[in-house]
Protein backbone atom coordinates (compact mmCIF):
# COMPACT_ATOMS: atom_id res chain seq x y z
CA UNK A 1 160.11 35.66 50.27
CA UNK A 2 158.55 33.58 52.66
CA UNK A 3 159.89 30.46 52.65
CA UNK A 4 160.91 28.03 55.23
CA UNK A 5 164.29 27.07 55.11
CA UNK A 6 167.21 25.59 57.70
CA UNK A 7 170.54 24.19 57.81
CA UNK A 8 172.51 22.02 60.27
CA UNK A 9 171.73 21.60 64.16
CA UNK A 10 169.44 23.18 66.48
CA UNK A 11 167.17 22.79 69.39
CA UNK A 12 163.94 21.06 68.91
CA UNK A 13 162.46 24.34 71.19
CA UNK A 14 163.73 27.50 70.12
CA UNK A 15 164.99 29.51 72.96
CA UNK A 16 166.00 26.53 74.84
CA UNK A 17 169.12 25.61 75.86
CA UNK A 18 171.47 23.66 73.11
CA UNK A 19 174.29 22.11 74.50
CA UNK A 20 177.90 21.21 72.94
CA UNK A 21 178.54 17.56 72.46
CA UNK A 22 181.94 18.33 74.88
CA UNK A 23 180.17 21.05 77.27
CA UNK A 24 178.80 24.58 77.37
CA UNK A 25 176.33 26.13 75.52
CA UNK A 26 175.71 27.36 71.90
CA UNK A 27 174.56 31.04 71.69
CA UNK A 28 171.55 31.55 69.88
CA UNK A 29 170.74 34.71 67.48
CA UNK A 30 167.89 36.29 66.44
CA UNK A 31 168.42 37.46 62.68
CA UNK A 32 165.50 39.48 62.29
CA UNK A 33 163.95 42.62 59.95
CA UNK A 34 161.65 45.46 61.32
CA UNK A 35 162.08 44.90 64.57
CA UNK A 36 160.99 41.25 66.02
CA UNK A 37 157.68 41.18 63.19
CA UNK A 38 159.51 40.67 59.86
CA UNK A 39 161.20 37.94 58.62
CA UNK A 40 163.61 36.07 60.58
CA UNK A 41 166.34 33.33 61.40
CA UNK A 42 167.27 32.14 64.54
CA UNK A 43 171.09 31.00 64.40
CA UNK A 44 173.49 29.01 66.85
CA UNK A 45 176.92 29.42 67.19
CA UNK A 46 179.85 28.22 68.54
CA UNK A 47 181.17 31.44 70.21
CA UNK A 48 179.27 34.58 71.00
CA UNK A 49 178.69 36.87 67.98
CA UNK A 50 179.27 39.83 69.77
CA UNK A 51 182.74 39.99 70.56
CA UNK A 52 184.72 42.99 69.04
CA UNK A 53 188.30 43.41 69.85
CA UNK A 54 188.71 46.94 68.04
CA UNK A 55 187.39 49.38 65.43
CA UNK A 56 190.82 50.38 63.53
CA UNK A 57 189.29 52.70 60.51
CA UNK A 58 186.44 54.36 59.77
CA UNK A 59 185.89 56.34 56.61
CA UNK A 60 183.29 57.77 53.80
CA UNK A 61 182.52 55.61 50.63
CA UNK A 62 179.27 58.16 49.47
CA UNK A 63 179.24 58.51 46.24
CA UNK A 64 180.44 61.42 44.62
CA UNK A 65 177.37 63.07 42.51
CA UNK A 66 177.78 64.76 39.47
CA UNK A 67 174.40 65.57 38.51
CA UNK A 68 171.49 65.80 41.08
CA UNK A 69 168.58 66.64 39.34
CA UNK A 70 169.12 65.05 36.15
CA UNK A 71 166.61 65.35 33.33
CA UNK A 72 168.78 63.73 30.60
CA UNK A 73 168.47 60.01 29.21
CA UNK A 74 171.84 58.59 29.90
CA UNK A 75 173.99 55.41 27.91
CA UNK A 76 176.44 53.55 30.04
CA UNK A 77 178.92 51.98 28.85
CA UNK A 78 179.56 49.44 31.38
CA UNK A 79 181.75 47.25 29.79
CA UNK A 80 184.25 50.14 29.87
CA UNK A 81 184.24 49.98 33.63
CA UNK A 82 187.90 49.42 34.83
CA UNK A 83 188.43 45.87 36.78
CA UNK A 84 189.95 45.62 39.89
CA UNK A 85 191.50 42.78 41.95
CA UNK A 86 189.43 43.82 45.45
CA UNK A 87 185.61 43.52 45.38
CA UNK A 88 184.55 46.30 47.36
CA UNK A 89 186.86 48.87 45.41
CA UNK A 90 185.67 47.41 42.41
CA UNK A 91 182.25 48.61 42.96
CA UNK A 92 180.95 51.54 41.38
CA UNK A 93 178.12 53.15 41.70
CA UNK A 94 176.01 54.76 39.17
CA UNK A 95 172.79 55.34 39.69
CA UNK A 96 171.97 56.75 43.58
CA UNK A 97 168.82 58.27 45.60
CA UNK A 98 167.87 57.96 49.01
CA UNK A 99 166.18 54.59 48.41
CA UNK A 100 168.78 52.46 46.59
CA UNK A 101 172.03 52.67 44.70
CA UNK A 102 172.78 50.87 41.25
CA UNK A 103 176.23 49.84 40.30
CA UNK A 104 178.37 47.61 38.58
CA UNK A 105 181.61 46.08 39.82
CA UNK A 106 184.27 43.84 37.77
CA UNK A 107 186.14 42.29 40.36
CA UNK A 108 189.09 40.05 39.19
CA UNK A 109 189.55 38.30 42.58
CA UNK A 110 187.96 36.53 45.42
CA UNK A 111 186.91 38.59 48.20
CA UNK A 112 189.05 36.55 50.87
CA UNK A 113 191.18 38.91 53.01
CA UNK A 114 188.22 39.86 54.92
CA UNK A 115 184.20 39.55 55.36
CA UNK A 116 181.90 42.17 53.88
CA UNK A 117 178.64 43.41 55.54
CA UNK A 118 175.89 45.79 54.20
CA UNK A 119 174.41 47.45 57.58
CA UNK A 120 172.01 49.45 56.19
CA UNK A 121 170.88 47.76 52.92
CA UNK A 122 169.73 44.19 51.02
CA UNK A 123 172.28 43.92 47.78
CA UNK A 124 171.02 42.03 44.50
CA UNK A 125 173.84 40.69 42.82
CA UNK A 126 173.30 40.24 39.08
CA UNK A 127 175.74 37.99 37.71
CA UNK A 128 177.35 39.05 33.76
CA UNK A 129 180.23 37.43 33.78
CA UNK A 130 181.75 35.47 35.94
CA UNK A 131 181.41 32.02 38.47
CA UNK A 132 181.95 31.01 42.06
CA UNK A 133 180.06 30.50 45.10
CA UNK A 134 178.87 33.12 47.80
CA UNK A 135 179.95 32.09 51.19
CA UNK A 136 177.86 33.69 54.17
CA UNK A 137 177.26 33.03 57.34
CA UNK A 138 174.22 30.93 56.83
CA UNK A 139 175.72 28.75 54.16
CA UNK A 140 176.77 28.86 50.67
CA UNK A 141 175.42 29.41 47.17
CA UNK A 142 177.00 28.95 43.59
CA UNK A 143 176.19 30.72 41.33
CA UNK A 144 176.99 31.47 37.05
CA UNK A 145 175.62 33.92 34.45
CA UNK A 146 172.78 35.19 34.69
CA UNK A 147 172.02 34.31 38.36
CA UNK A 148 170.40 37.31 40.70
CA UNK A 149 171.98 36.51 44.31
CA UNK A 150 169.76 38.57 46.58
CA UNK A 151 171.79 39.09 50.21
CA UNK A 152 169.78 40.66 53.16
CA UNK A 153 171.19 43.57 55.17
CA UNK A 154 173.08 42.16 58.19
CA UNK A 155 174.54 39.47 56.36
CA UNK A 156 178.16 38.55 56.70
CA UNK A 157 179.71 37.40 53.83
CA UNK A 158 182.77 36.28 51.05
CA UNK A 159 182.66 35.77 47.25
CA UNK A 160 184.73 33.43 45.51
CA UNK A 161 185.67 33.93 41.49
CA UNK A 162 186.30 30.88 39.34
CA UNK A 163 187.06 33.19 37.09
CA UNK A 164 189.31 36.46 36.65
CA UNK A 165 186.75 37.99 34.19
CA UNK A 166 183.81 39.05 36.42
CA UNK A 167 181.12 41.64 35.52
CA UNK A 168 178.56 41.97 38.35
CA UNK A 169 175.22 44.69 37.73
CA UNK A 170 174.11 45.35 41.49
CA UNK A 171 171.79 47.19 43.88
CA UNK A 172 171.55 47.72 46.90
CA UNK A 173 168.34 48.57 48.70
CA UNK A 174 167.23 50.56 51.69
CA UNK A 175 164.33 48.36 51.72
CA UNK A 176 163.81 44.25 51.65
CA UNK A 177 163.15 42.58 48.48
CA UNK A 178 160.18 40.59 48.02
CA UNK A 179 158.68 38.38 44.82
CA UNK A 180 155.74 40.46 43.75
CA UNK A 181 152.85 40.20 45.73
CA UNK A 182 150.47 39.22 43.01
CA UNK A 183 152.15 36.90 42.12
CA UNK A 184 151.56 35.12 45.55
CA UNK A 185 148.56 33.64 47.84
CA UNK A 186 147.49 34.88 51.73
CA UNK A 187 150.02 32.77 52.66
CA UNK A 188 152.90 33.57 50.31
CA UNK A 189 152.89 30.55 48.41
CA UNK A 190 153.63 31.60 44.63
CA UNK A 191 150.75 31.01 42.65
CA UNK A 192 150.09 28.83 39.35
CA UNK A 193 150.13 32.23 37.05
CA UNK A 194 153.62 33.20 38.72
CA UNK A 195 156.17 33.33 36.08
CA UNK A 196 158.51 31.31 38.63
CA UNK A 197 157.97 29.34 42.26
CA UNK A 198 159.68 28.11 45.35
CA UNK A 199 161.52 25.29 43.26
CA UNK A 200 163.65 27.93 41.21
CA UNK A 201 165.08 29.18 44.16
CA UNK A 202 168.44 28.57 44.95
CA UNK A 203 169.00 27.95 48.84
CA UNK A 204 172.55 28.29 51.19
CA UNK A 205 173.98 24.87 51.22
CA UNK A 206 177.04 23.43 52.39
CA UNK A 207 176.91 25.11 55.66
CA UNK A 208 180.38 26.53 56.91
CA UNK A 209 181.44 25.89 60.65
CA UNK A 210 184.71 27.49 61.75
CA UNK A 211 185.97 27.14 65.22
CA UNK A 212 188.56 29.92 65.60
CA UNK A 213 189.59 32.52 67.69
CA UNK A 214 191.99 35.49 66.56
CA UNK A 215 191.36 38.54 64.62
CA UNK A 216 189.05 38.89 61.68
CA UNK A 217 188.57 41.85 59.89
CA UNK A 218 185.05 42.46 59.07
CA UNK A 219 184.16 45.59 56.87
CA UNK A 220 181.17 47.04 57.81
CA UNK A 221 179.02 49.54 55.43
CA UNK A 222 176.64 51.77 57.53
CA UNK A 223 175.48 55.47 56.78
CA UNK A 224 177.54 55.74 53.70
CA UNK A 225 180.57 54.84 56.35
CA UNK A 226 182.83 51.68 55.82
CA UNK A 227 183.90 51.09 59.15
CA UNK A 228 186.79 48.10 59.85
CA UNK A 229 186.32 46.14 62.70
CA UNK A 230 188.22 43.20 64.11
CA UNK A 231 186.54 40.27 65.50
CA UNK A 232 187.73 38.09 68.24
CA UNK A 233 185.81 34.98 66.40
CA UNK A 234 185.51 33.41 62.75
CA UNK A 235 182.24 34.82 61.91
CA UNK A 236 181.31 31.65 59.73
CA UNK A 237 180.67 29.31 63.51
CA UNK A 238 177.11 28.89 63.17
CA UNK A 239 176.26 24.99 63.33
CA UNK A 240 172.71 25.46 62.61
CA UNK A 241 169.69 27.84 61.86
CA UNK A 242 166.22 27.63 60.62
CA UNK A 243 163.82 30.61 59.77
CA UNK A 244 162.75 32.98 56.98
CA UNK A 245 165.33 35.67 56.64
CA UNK A 246 168.71 33.99 54.49
CA UNK A 247 169.64 34.72 51.13
CA UNK A 248 169.30 32.79 47.92
CA UNK A 249 169.64 32.90 45.05
CA UNK A 250 167.54 32.88 41.27
CA UNK A 251 168.29 32.72 37.43
CA UNK A 252 167.35 34.68 35.20
CA UNK A 253 166.88 31.78 33.11
CA UNK A 254 164.42 30.32 35.08
CA UNK A 255 162.06 33.13 34.72
CA UNK A 256 158.98 32.28 32.31
CA UNK A 257 157.53 34.93 30.28
CA UNK A 258 154.32 35.71 30.14
CA UNK A 259 152.99 36.67 26.54
CA UNK A 260 150.12 38.10 24.77
CA UNK A 261 148.17 38.85 21.51
CA UNK A 262 148.99 43.11 21.84
CA UNK A 263 152.56 44.05 23.50
CA UNK A 264 152.53 43.24 27.48
CA UNK A 265 153.77 46.59 29.61
CA UNK A 266 156.71 45.97 31.83
CA UNK A 267 154.96 44.46 34.57
CA UNK A 268 154.93 41.55 33.15
CA UNK A 269 158.32 40.99 33.70
CA UNK A 270 158.48 41.46 37.08
CA UNK A 271 160.74 39.81 39.43
CA UNK A 272 161.20 41.36 42.32
CA UNK A 273 159.72 44.51 44.22
CA UNK A 274 160.39 46.99 47.39
CA UNK A 275 158.17 49.35 48.43
CA UNK A 276 160.57 52.30 46.56
CA UNK A 277 160.89 50.24 43.45
CA UNK A 278 160.74 46.73 41.31
CA UNK A 279 163.33 44.85 39.46
CA UNK A 280 161.89 43.07 35.82
CA UNK A 281 164.00 40.52 33.59
CA UNK A 282 163.86 40.17 30.26
CA UNK A 283 163.79 37.16 28.59
CA UNK A 284 163.97 35.09 25.61
CA UNK A 285 160.17 35.19 24.37
CA UNK A 286 157.67 34.83 21.67
CA UNK A 287 156.52 38.29 20.00
CA UNK A 288 152.85 39.54 20.40
CA UNK A 289 150.54 37.40 18.00
CA UNK A 290 147.80 39.22 16.67
CA UNK A 291 148.00 39.70 13.19
CA UNK A 292 148.48 43.46 13.05
CA UNK A 293 150.63 43.54 15.82
CA UNK A 294 153.61 45.25 16.74
CA UNK A 295 156.43 43.49 18.78
CA UNK A 296 157.99 47.12 19.47
CA UNK A 297 157.15 48.43 22.73
CA UNK A 298 155.12 51.90 22.49
CA UNK A 299 156.07 55.32 23.44
CA UNK A 300 155.45 55.56 27.04
CA UNK A 301 155.83 58.46 29.32
CA UNK A 302 157.76 58.81 32.57
CA UNK A 303 155.54 60.24 34.63
CA UNK A 304 156.30 58.46 38.12
CA UNK A 305 159.69 56.74 37.49
CA UNK A 306 162.63 56.85 36.56
CA UNK A 307 163.98 53.55 34.38
CA UNK A 308 167.30 51.52 34.44
CA UNK A 309 167.59 49.14 31.87
CA UNK A 310 171.03 46.84 32.03
CA UNK A 311 171.48 45.43 28.96
CA UNK A 312 173.13 41.74 29.37
CA UNK A 313 172.91 39.40 26.08
CA UNK A 314 170.99 38.90 22.69
CA UNK A 315 169.35 41.63 20.21
CA UNK A 316 167.66 44.20 21.78
CA UNK A 317 165.25 45.21 18.74
CA UNK A 318 163.58 48.46 20.33
CA UNK A 319 166.67 50.41 20.51
CA UNK A 320 170.03 51.18 18.07
CA UNK A 321 173.79 50.58 18.89
CA UNK A 322 172.96 48.78 22.12
CA UNK A 323 175.81 46.27 23.14
CA UNK A 324 176.19 44.12 26.29
CA UNK A 325 176.92 45.95 29.50
CA UNK A 326 174.97 48.82 28.50
CA UNK A 327 173.01 50.53 30.90
CA UNK A 328 170.10 53.00 30.14
CA UNK A 329 168.16 55.57 32.35
CA UNK A 330 165.27 57.55 31.14
CA UNK A 331 164.22 59.58 33.70
CA UNK A 332 160.73 61.01 34.62
CA UNK A 333 159.77 63.94 32.68
CA UNK A 334 160.33 62.79 29.29
CA UNK A 335 158.68 60.14 27.08
CA UNK A 336 160.75 57.62 25.42
CA UNK A 337 160.19 54.54 23.46
CA UNK A 338 161.62 52.86 20.59
CA UNK A 339 164.61 54.45 18.46
CA UNK A 340 163.55 55.86 15.03
CA UNK A 341 162.70 52.16 12.82
CA UNK A 342 162.45 49.83 15.69
CA UNK A 343 159.45 50.07 14.83
CA UNK A 344 158.80 49.60 11.68
CA UNK A 345 161.47 46.86 11.47
CA UNK A 346 159.99 45.14 14.29
CA UNK A 347 157.16 44.13 12.21
CA UNK A 348 156.56 40.10 11.20
CA UNK A 349 159.56 39.28 13.38
CA UNK A 350 158.32 36.31 15.48
CA UNK A 351 160.37 35.98 18.68
CA UNK A 352 163.15 37.85 20.97
CA UNK A 353 166.23 36.27 22.40
CA UNK A 354 166.99 39.36 24.44
CA UNK A 355 168.36 39.58 28.26
CA UNK A 356 168.07 42.47 30.15
CA UNK A 357 167.32 43.63 34.05
CA UNK A 358 165.38 46.58 34.03
CA UNK A 359 165.07 48.87 37.77
CA UNK A 360 162.30 51.09 38.03
CA UNK A 361 162.53 53.64 41.07
CA UNK A 362 159.72 55.78 42.34
CA UNK A 363 161.99 58.41 43.39
CA UNK A 364 164.55 60.10 40.89
CA UNK A 365 168.04 58.93 40.33
CA UNK A 366 171.18 60.80 41.02
CA UNK A 367 174.17 60.12 38.41
CA UNK A 368 178.03 59.78 39.83
CA UNK A 369 180.96 60.89 38.82
CA UNK A 370 181.99 57.39 38.05
CA UNK A 371 178.90 57.21 35.92
CA UNK A 372 179.23 60.08 33.65
CA UNK A 373 183.36 58.84 33.13
CA UNK A 374 180.94 55.49 31.23
CA UNK A 375 178.51 58.15 29.64
CA UNK A 376 178.42 58.42 25.57
CA UNK A 377 177.41 62.23 26.18
CA UNK A 378 174.71 61.76 23.27
CA UNK A 379 172.03 59.20 24.12
CA UNK A 380 169.44 61.87 24.81
CA UNK A 381 169.25 62.85 21.38
CA UNK A 382 168.88 59.60 19.97
CA UNK A 383 165.07 60.00 18.92
CA UNK A 384 166.03 62.52 16.57
CA UNK A 385 165.20 61.48 12.75
């Protein structure tokens, strides 16, 4: 997202001396992507951000694969995932490939005993249930039901929940998240036909600056391993920063739907994209208004993508027996469409109040053991009349 933002204090000229009020210099850090060619920000630390005292533990967190080459449509009952106190322990990978990890989490408590960094992947966390604050080294972002949180790789963060019942849908992406190119001009500004604009983004605020020395545990995820590392200073010691690489939020309720006289294809719902998958937001909207329109989606072939739908709220007209927190997987190789009877009963309806998040991947997804524990076992037969 090519949007400039800044917080706190920093020198007028980059890569120059920035003096502390009581003597000494602040420490500059480039927080950038794609070497020195991608989006970046310049951060100014009270202490050197490089002080590692100890690496105490390293262990595998790679998902365990149950089905490596899948052809079966699946329905996962997400709300049957048992809550856990710890934020990272609660995160369970459901569907994975070389490009992303799609998962669910039900943390009961705030992440306060350690800090977390994903060194490999940008993270998209969708808040289905819960309210609180994402606390990062670059500032804090409040969140609530319906918010997407986009957290760039390398970001050190904690998360505070005001609630004990929290349900999260998340995607870890090994390619950066961007908003769709077709909604932006050459300089990156969102165009008038875009279903959202820069005003809708929730930017970091309330910069925390901790001038503390001691032992600070940071859990760093890298190459399927979790490394527990002790830093010598508090990681939230930034006094100011500016640039284009930072976490932000976006509410699904601020996505303005695009409608037409006949049924519109899924790309009109697109919210984010990477080089390897897209994310779409299905929101309350008017149905198609051609006098002979069929509001239900038409059958379509999964030739190039695996389709994942996470159902959030409302009445999902195209399917039967779908509830909040369910995930459906429609793998490439088999066409899919409305459940039997859904096409006919949709005729005459004028609007929908559904909320859902869709992830379409360009490579097939593998199914984890955690996912099989939530599988209903019968979904792939649900089109038989």
